[in-house]
Amino acid sequence: MTSILIVAGENSGDKYGADLIRAYRRLDPTASFFGVGGKDMAEVGAEIIFPLNQLNIIGVTEAVFSWRRVMKMLRRLAKEAAARQIRAAVLIDSPDFNLRLAPRLHREGVPVLYYISPTIWAWRQRRLQTIRRTVTKMLLIFPFEKEIYDSHQIPAVYVGHPLLERIKVNLDRNTFRQKYNLPLAEPLITLLPGSRPAEIRYHLPILIKSIDIIRNRAKATFLLLKAETIETDFIQQFIPKGSRLQLLEQDKYEAMAASDLSLAACGTANMEACLLGTPLVAFYKLSPLVFYLGRNLVKIKHYSIVNILARKQVVPELIQSRMTPANIAEEALSLLASPEKAAAMKKEFNRLRQLLGEERAPLKAALELYNLVNPPPSG
């Protein structure tokens, strides 16, 4: 039996890992997967040694307090990899953890596929040195990344973006609104504050204040889309009693597709809005200390992956001190009041969708893994 280590430290990585496992099992039904993941990987039969929320950290303070736990996880995974005589490892995003695990695996002679590149095009390019030494091949989800890895003589292949296959909408706009008793005529705005507790703490109070400003100037309905990694009790403490903000835990893509606007933290949700054709305002806020320490290390003009992929500003970005209730409300109201502006944004979204091509990421990633585990005979 082929044993493979797979590590995903975030909610999106858990889903992409599950898709890869599902595709790989069509090539080798006997393969077994174990490692770090969540409910999606568990549902396709992966043995979860550590749940992904063990890695779902952000910021200096959380990193410091989590250091002992992280080191314990690294040792345990390396030990399990040796005991199970794994044939390969798939490390999905989460570079702060995975680029510490990769050298340990490399020293044991384990081939390593790295699925979803760290943002070396944005900051911390020194990570390329670790990748060159310890990663067998990079599996990229954005076309522009290939040129970077080629220039550093690092084996890499563009496999396509996994969201292209994952995004499916089963309810049309009116059916979705009727299902959740939402007004058919009012603008619908979805809030996506993030998938980490720290993101909720920094983003949600500001978003809730922005709702009051928007409602004072326009009729609108608001939905808060809760990430699976966030407990309902945790998120409820930030929502004022009597608030008309509706919390939604399912039908995420249907909600975004049925919306006139999404207010979303920079990250996967920005790409989801783009592929669904939903106008977007992007934001992000960190602790002042973390932002201060990192501000001179960032090498890009834009923070939203939509703008990075477009190489220009397509969606508004409200970062750090610019993320205020007034600024969010202003950008939201501007898009709601201008069908022309929203249409121009949707046109750019469609162009970016075409740029990503037709690659089937889960299948192509699974094939890369299969060929790594079963190399052709030499000679």
Protein backbone atom coordinates (compact mmCIF):
# COMPACT_ATOMS: atom_id res chain seq x y z
CA MET A 1 0.00 0.00 0.00
CA THR A 2 1.27 3.49 -0.92
CA SER A 3 1.41 5.81 2.11
CA ILE A 4 1.46 9.56 1.48
CA LEU A 5 1.76 12.45 3.92
CA ILE A 6 -0.46 15.46 3.19
CA VAL A 7 -0.47 18.71 5.17
CA ALA A 8 -3.03 21.53 4.88
CA GLY A 9 -3.11 24.27 7.49
CA GLU A 10 -6.08 26.31 6.26
CA ASN A 11 -9.70 25.74 5.31
CA SER A 12 -9.10 26.26 1.58
CA GLY A 13 -6.09 23.93 1.66
CA ASP A 14 -8.21 21.26 3.32
CA LYS A 15 -10.67 21.43 0.42
CA TYR A 16 -7.93 21.40 -2.22
CA GLY A 17 -6.28 18.47 -0.45
CA ALA A 18 -9.54 16.55 -0.44
CA ASP A 19 -9.98 17.14 -4.17
CA LEU A 20 -6.42 15.92 -4.82
CA ILE A 21 -6.95 12.77 -2.73
CA ARG A 22 -10.19 12.04 -4.56
CA ALA A 23 -8.47 12.42 -7.94
CA TYR A 24 -5.45 10.36 -6.85
CA ARG A 25 -7.60 7.46 -5.69
CA ARG A 26 -8.86 7.13 -9.26
CA LEU A 27 -5.25 6.45 -10.25
CA ASP A 28 -4.38 4.28 -7.23
CA PRO A 29 -7.33 3.11 -5.11
CA THR A 30 -4.99 1.47 -2.58
CA ALA A 31 -3.17 4.68 -1.58
CA SER A 32 -3.50 5.89 2.01
CA PHE A 33 -3.15 9.50 3.11
CA PHE A 34 -2.47 10.91 6.58
CA GLY A 35 -1.35 14.21 8.07
CA VAL A 36 -2.84 17.60 8.89
CA GLY A 37 -6.28 18.55 7.59
CA GLY A 38 -9.92 19.13 8.35
CA LYS A 39 -13.32 17.61 7.72
CA ASP A 40 -13.03 17.62 3.92
CA MET A 41 -9.85 15.53 3.91
CA ALA A 42 -11.28 13.30 6.62
CA GLU A 43 -14.42 12.71 4.54
CA VAL A 44 -12.34 11.32 1.66
CA GLY A 45 -10.53 8.94 3.99
CA ALA A 46 -7.39 10.80 5.07
CA GLU A 47 -6.22 9.95 8.59
CA ILE A 48 -6.03 13.26 10.44
CA ILE A 49 -3.10 13.22 12.85
CA PHE A 50 -3.56 16.91 13.69
CA PRO A 51 -6.66 19.03 12.88
CA LEU A 52 -5.92 22.03 10.68
CA ASN A 53 -6.94 24.52 13.39
CA GLN A 54 -3.68 23.58 15.11
CA LEU A 55 -1.98 25.61 12.35
CA ASN A 56 -4.68 28.25 11.87
CA ILE A 57 -2.66 31.07 13.46
CA ILE A 58 -1.73 34.57 12.42
CA GLY A 59 0.35 37.30 13.98
CA VAL A 60 3.44 37.51 16.16
CA THR A 61 1.72 36.89 19.50
CA GLU A 62 -0.12 33.76 18.34
CA ALA A 63 3.03 32.46 16.65
CA VAL A 64 5.08 32.85 19.82
CA PHE A 65 2.53 31.09 22.01
CA SER A 66 2.08 28.35 19.39
CA TRP A 67 5.79 27.65 18.88
CA ARG A 68 6.03 24.69 21.26
CA ARG A 69 2.95 23.09 19.77
CA VAL A 70 4.24 23.62 16.22
CA MET A 71 7.61 22.03 17.02
CA LYS A 72 5.83 19.04 18.55
CA MET A 73 3.77 18.66 15.39
CA LEU A 74 6.87 18.81 13.19
CA ARG A 75 8.58 16.08 15.21
CA ARG A 76 5.48 13.87 15.25
CA LEU A 77 4.90 14.15 11.49
CA ALA A 78 8.54 13.42 10.70
CA LYS A 79 8.40 10.40 13.00
CA GLU A 80 5.16 9.15 11.41
CA ALA A 81 6.63 9.64 7.94
CA ALA A 82 9.62 7.46 8.82
CA ALA A 83 7.54 4.78 10.57
CA ARG A 84 5.08 4.49 7.68
CA GLN A 85 7.81 4.57 5.04
CA ILE A 86 5.93 7.15 3.01
CA ARG A 87 6.45 7.33 -0.73
CA ALA A 88 5.90 11.09 -1.00
CA ALA A 89 4.58 14.17 0.78
CA VAL A 90 2.16 16.84 -0.43
CA LEU A 91 2.49 20.16 1.40
CA ILE A 92 -0.34 22.61 0.72
CA ASP A 93 0.33 26.33 1.23
CA SER A 94 0.91 27.23 4.97
CA PRO A 95 4.60 28.06 4.36
CA ASP A 96 5.43 29.02 7.96
CA PHE A 97 4.85 25.38 8.87
CA ASN A 98 5.45 23.50 5.64
CA LEU A 99 8.80 25.10 4.84
CA ARG A 100 9.97 23.88 8.25
CA LEU A 101 8.65 20.40 7.57
CA ALA A 102 10.09 20.12 4.04
CA PRO A 103 13.77 20.07 5.15
CA ARG A 104 13.04 17.30 7.66
CA LEU A 105 11.41 15.21 4.94
CA HIS A 106 14.17 15.99 2.45
CA ARG A 107 16.83 14.75 4.88
CA GLU A 108 14.97 11.42 5.01
CA GLY A 109 14.92 11.18 1.22
CA VAL A 110 11.16 11.83 0.91
CA PRO A 111 10.05 13.40 -2.41
CA VAL A 112 8.08 16.59 -1.69
CA LEU A 113 5.40 18.19 -3.84
CA TYR A 114 4.46 21.70 -2.76
CA TYR A 115 0.91 22.55 -3.86
CA ILE A 116 0.06 26.28 -3.91
CA SER A 117 3.13 28.47 -3.80
CA PRO A 118 4.00 30.74 -0.91
CA THR A 119 3.61 34.37 -1.95
CA ILE A 120 7.30 34.71 -2.80
CA TRP A 121 6.29 37.26 -5.45
CA ALA A 122 5.00 39.49 -2.62
CA TRP A 123 7.53 39.08 0.14
CA ARG A 124 10.11 36.80 1.79
CA GLN A 125 11.79 35.74 -1.44
CA ARG A 126 14.50 34.08 0.65
CA ARG A 127 12.05 31.20 0.93
CA LEU A 128 13.10 30.31 -2.60
CA GLN A 129 16.41 29.05 -1.17
CA THR A 130 14.60 26.59 1.10
CA ILE A 131 12.31 25.53 -1.73
CA ARG A 132 15.22 24.90 -4.09
CA ARG A 133 16.99 22.71 -1.51
CA THR A 134 14.06 20.71 -0.18
CA VAL A 135 11.10 20.65 -2.61
CA THR A 136 11.03 18.20 -5.50
CA LYS A 137 8.46 20.13 -7.53
CA MET A 138 6.14 23.11 -7.13
CA LEU A 139 2.50 22.83 -8.22
CA LEU A 140 1.38 26.36 -9.11
CA ILE A 141 -2.15 27.77 -9.27
CA PHE A 142 -1.39 31.10 -10.97
CA PRO A 143 0.23 31.32 -14.43
CA PHE A 144 2.54 34.23 -13.57
CA GLU A 145 4.30 32.17 -10.88
CA LYS A 146 5.90 29.84 -13.44
CA GLU A 147 8.28 32.50 -14.73
CA ILE A 148 9.54 33.19 -11.19
CA TYR A 149 10.37 29.55 -10.48
CA ASP A 150 11.90 29.03 -13.91
CA SER A 151 14.22 31.99 -13.32
CA HIS A 152 15.45 30.34 -10.09
CA GLN A 153 15.86 26.90 -11.71
CA ILE A 154 13.21 25.34 -9.47
CA PRO A 155 11.05 22.59 -11.03
CA ALA A 156 7.50 23.86 -11.26
CA VAL A 157 4.33 23.27 -13.24
CA TYR A 158 1.13 25.30 -13.55
CA VAL A 159 -1.72 22.93 -12.70
CA GLY A 160 -4.59 25.42 -12.88
CA HIS A 161 -6.60 26.99 -10.09
CA PRO A 162 -8.49 24.44 -7.94
CA LEU A 163 -11.42 26.82 -7.51
CA LEU A 164 -12.27 26.49 -11.21
CA GLU A 165 -13.63 23.00 -10.54
CA ARG A 166 -14.71 23.53 -6.96
CA ILE A 167 -17.04 26.51 -7.48
CA LYS A 168 -20.51 25.24 -8.28
CA VAL A 169 -23.79 27.14 -7.80
CA ASN A 170 -26.93 25.04 -7.36
CA LEU A 171 -29.49 27.79 -6.68
CA ASP A 172 -30.25 30.78 -8.86
CA ARG A 173 -30.51 34.29 -7.38
CA ASN A 174 -34.24 34.30 -6.69
CA THR A 175 -34.39 30.73 -5.43
CA PHE A 176 -31.56 31.40 -3.00
CA ARG A 177 -33.21 34.54 -1.66
CA GLN A 178 -36.53 32.79 -1.27
CA LYS A 179 -34.87 29.90 0.59
CA TYR A 180 -33.51 32.31 3.21
CA ASN A 181 -36.48 34.73 3.20
CA LEU A 182 -34.40 37.58 1.78
CA PRO A 183 -35.98 40.53 -0.08
CA LEU A 184 -35.86 40.03 -3.82
CA ALA A 185 -35.58 43.72 -4.65
CA GLU A 186 -33.05 44.95 -2.07
CA PRO A 187 -29.31 44.86 -2.75
CA LEU A 188 -27.69 41.90 -1.02
CA ILE A 189 -24.22 42.34 0.50
CA THR A 190 -22.20 39.38 1.77
CA LEU A 191 -19.52 39.82 4.43
CA LEU A 192 -16.50 37.50 4.48
CA PRO A 193 -14.31 38.64 7.38
CA GLY A 194 -11.84 35.73 7.18
CA SER A 195 -11.23 32.17 8.32
CA ARG A 196 -8.91 32.76 11.30
CA PRO A 197 -9.96 33.96 14.76
CA ALA A 198 -7.53 36.90 14.57
CA GLU A 199 -9.08 38.00 11.27
CA ILE A 200 -12.53 37.98 12.86
CA ARG A 201 -11.29 40.06 15.80
CA TYR A 202 -9.71 42.70 13.57
CA HIS A 203 -12.27 42.78 10.76
CA LEU A 204 -15.77 42.04 12.01
CA PRO A 205 -16.26 44.99 14.42
CA ILE A 206 -15.28 47.39 11.61
CA LEU A 207 -17.59 45.66 9.13
CA ILE A 208 -20.52 45.84 11.54
CA LYS A 209 -20.03 49.59 11.99
CA SER A 210 -19.91 50.00 8.22
CA ILE A 211 -23.30 48.28 7.95
CA ASP A 212 -24.90 51.04 10.03
CA ILE A 213 -23.47 53.71 7.73
CA ILE A 214 -24.65 51.90 4.59
CA ARG A 215 -28.14 51.36 6.01
CA ASN A 216 -28.46 55.06 6.81
CA ARG A 217 -28.00 55.87 3.13
CA ALA A 218 -29.43 52.89 1.26
CA LYS A 219 -31.67 49.90 1.79
CA ALA A 220 -29.64 46.70 1.81
CA THR A 221 -29.65 43.18 3.23
CA PHE A 222 -26.50 41.73 4.77
CA LEU A 223 -25.30 38.15 5.16
CA LEU A 224 -22.28 37.12 7.18
CA LEU A 225 -20.68 34.01 5.70
CA LYS A 226 -19.02 32.01 8.47
CA ALA A 227 -15.92 30.00 7.64
CA GLU A 228 -16.00 26.37 8.73
CA THR A 229 -12.89 26.93 10.85
CA ILE A 230 -14.65 29.52 13.04
CA GLU A 231 -16.93 28.48 15.89
CA THR A 232 -20.39 30.05 15.86
CA ASP A 233 -20.13 31.07 19.54
CA PHE A 234 -16.87 32.88 18.80
CA ILE A 235 -18.31 34.91 15.95
CA GLN A 236 -21.58 35.69 17.77
CA GLN A 237 -19.75 37.67 20.45
CA PHE A 238 -18.92 40.33 17.85
CA ILE A 239 -22.50 40.71 16.60
CA PRO A 240 -24.60 43.18 18.63
CA LYS A 241 -27.82 41.84 20.13
CA GLY A 242 -30.79 42.68 17.99
CA SER A 243 -28.65 43.01 14.88
CA ARG A 244 -30.38 42.21 11.61
CA LEU A 245 -27.16 40.68 10.32
CA GLN A 246 -27.95 37.12 9.26
CA LEU A 247 -25.29 34.44 9.83
CA LEU A 248 -25.00 31.82 7.11
CA GLU A 249 -23.08 28.55 7.46
CA GLN A 250 -23.92 26.86 4.16
CA ASP A 251 -24.68 27.69 0.51
CA LYS A 252 -21.65 30.00 0.49
CA TYR A 253 -21.21 30.13 -3.27
CA GLU A 254 -24.94 30.51 -3.81
CA ALA A 255 -24.92 33.46 -1.40
CA MET A 256 -22.02 35.17 -3.16
CA ALA A 257 -23.49 34.54 -6.61
CA ALA A 258 -26.84 35.97 -5.50
CA SER A 259 -25.20 39.08 -4.01
CA ASP A 260 -24.82 42.50 -5.52
CA LEU A 261 -21.59 43.00 -3.59
CA SER A 262 -19.13 41.13 -1.39
CA LEU A 263 -16.98 42.71 1.31
CA ALA A 264 -14.16 40.20 1.71
CA ALA A 265 -10.84 39.86 3.49
CA CYS A 266 -7.90 39.48 1.13
CA GLY A 267 -7.39 35.81 0.42
CA THR A 268 -9.30 32.96 -1.21
CA ALA A 269 -12.63 34.78 -0.89
CA ASN A 270 -11.40 37.46 -3.31
CA MET A 271 -10.73 34.82 -5.97
CA GLU A 272 -14.10 33.20 -5.28
CA ALA A 273 -15.91 36.50 -5.81
CA CYS A 274 -13.97 37.05 -9.03
CA LEU A 275 -14.86 33.64 -10.45
CA LEU A 276 -18.50 34.05 -9.41
CA GLY A 277 -18.65 37.50 -11.03
CA THR A 278 -19.65 39.29 -7.83
CA PRO A 279 -18.41 42.90 -7.38
CA LEU A 280 -15.96 43.10 -4.52
CA VAL A 281 -14.40 45.40 -1.95
CA ALA A 282 -11.24 43.85 -0.46
CA PHE A 283 -9.76 44.66 2.94
CA TYR A 284 -7.24 43.48 5.49
CA LYS A 285 -6.06 44.59 8.90
CA LEU A 286 -3.30 43.24 11.15
CA SER A 287 -2.05 44.19 14.57
CA PRO A 288 -0.06 47.45 14.35
CA LEU A 289 3.11 45.63 15.43
CA VAL A 290 2.86 42.94 12.73
CA PHE A 291 2.06 45.52 10.05
CA TYR A 292 4.96 47.73 11.16
CA LEU A 293 7.41 44.82 11.10
CA GLY A 294 6.29 43.63 7.68
CA ARG A 295 5.58 46.83 5.79
CA ASN A 296 9.08 47.21 4.35
CA LEU A 297 9.28 43.55 3.32
CA VAL A 298 6.28 43.62 0.98
CA LYS A 299 7.35 43.96 -2.65
CA ILE A 300 3.99 44.42 -4.38
CA LYS A 301 1.61 47.32 -4.96
CA HIS A 302 -1.57 45.33 -4.45
CA TYR A 303 -2.80 42.98 -1.73
CA SER A 304 -5.89 41.36 -3.26
CA ILE A 305 -5.05 38.36 -5.43
CA VAL A 306 -7.52 39.72 -8.00
CA ASN A 307 -5.43 42.87 -8.45
CA ILE A 308 -2.18 40.91 -8.33
CA LEU A 309 -3.37 38.59 -11.08
CA ALA A 310 -4.64 41.53 -13.14
CA ARG A 311 -1.41 43.50 -12.49
CA LYS A 312 -3.54 46.57 -11.88
CA GLN A 313 -6.28 47.71 -9.51
CA VAL A 314 -9.55 46.07 -10.43
CA VAL A 315 -11.14 45.99 -6.97
CA PRO A 316 -10.81 48.58 -4.17
CA GLU A 317 -8.38 47.62 -1.40
CA LEU A 318 -8.70 48.96 2.14
CA ILE A 319 -5.57 47.91 3.99
CA GLN A 320 -4.68 48.59 7.63
CA SER A 321 -5.40 52.25 8.52
CA ARG A 322 -7.58 52.64 5.39
CA MET A 323 -9.88 49.91 6.62
CA THR A 324 -12.43 52.05 8.43
CA PRO A 325 -16.24 51.84 8.59
CA ALA A 326 -16.52 55.08 6.60
CA ASN A 327 -14.20 53.91 3.83
CA ILE A 328 -15.88 50.53 3.52
CA ALA A 329 -19.30 52.17 3.34
CA GLU A 330 -18.09 54.69 0.75
CA GLU A 331 -16.69 52.01 -1.56
CA ALA A 332 -19.74 49.80 -1.13
CA LEU A 333 -22.22 52.60 -1.81
CA SER A 334 -20.20 53.74 -4.83
CA LEU A 335 -20.44 50.28 -6.42
CA LEU A 336 -24.12 49.88 -5.57
CA ALA A 337 -24.93 53.28 -7.07
CA SER A 338 -23.01 52.73 -10.31
CA PRO A 339 -24.11 49.83 -12.52
CA GLU A 340 -21.41 50.95 -14.97
CA LYS A 341 -18.64 50.56 -12.39
CA ALA A 342 -19.95 47.14 -11.34
CA ALA A 343 -20.19 46.03 -14.99
CA ALA A 344 -16.61 47.13 -15.68
CA MET A 345 -15.42 45.11 -12.69
CA LYS A 346 -17.33 42.04 -13.87
CA LYS A 347 -15.76 42.41 -17.32
CA GLU A 348 -12.30 42.31 -15.74
CA PHE A 349 -13.32 39.29 -13.66
CA ASN A 350 -14.25 37.46 -16.85
CA ARG A 351 -10.89 38.34 -18.43
CA LEU A 352 -9.06 36.95 -15.41
CA ARG A 353 -11.15 33.79 -15.55
CA GLN A 354 -10.01 33.26 -19.13
CA LEU A 355 -6.41 33.93 -18.11
CA LEU A 356 -6.50 30.98 -15.70
CA GLY A 357 -7.21 28.60 -18.59
CA GLU A 358 -8.95 25.24 -18.53
CA GLU A 359 -6.49 23.13 -16.53
CA ARG A 360 -8.12 20.68 -14.10
CA ALA A 361 -6.03 21.30 -11.00
CA PRO A 362 -6.99 18.25 -8.87
CA LEU A 363 -6.40 15.78 -11.72
CA LYS A 364 -3.18 17.41 -12.89
CA ALA A 365 -1.84 17.60 -9.32
CA ALA A 366 -2.80 13.95 -8.79
CA LEU A 367 -0.95 12.96 -11.95
CA GLU A 368 2.16 14.80 -10.79
CA LEU A 369 1.96 12.97 -7.48
CA TYR A 370 1.40 9.60 -9.19
CA ASN A 371 4.43 10.10 -11.42
CA LEU A 372 6.51 11.05 -8.38
CA VAL A 373 5.45 7.93 -6.49
CA ASN A 374 5.74 5.70 -9.59
CA PRO A 375 8.66 7.04 -11.62
CA PRO A 376 9.16 5.47 -15.06
CA PRO A 377 11.97 2.94 -15.31
CA SER A 378 15.33 4.53 -16.12
CA GLY A 379 16.95 3.70 -19.43
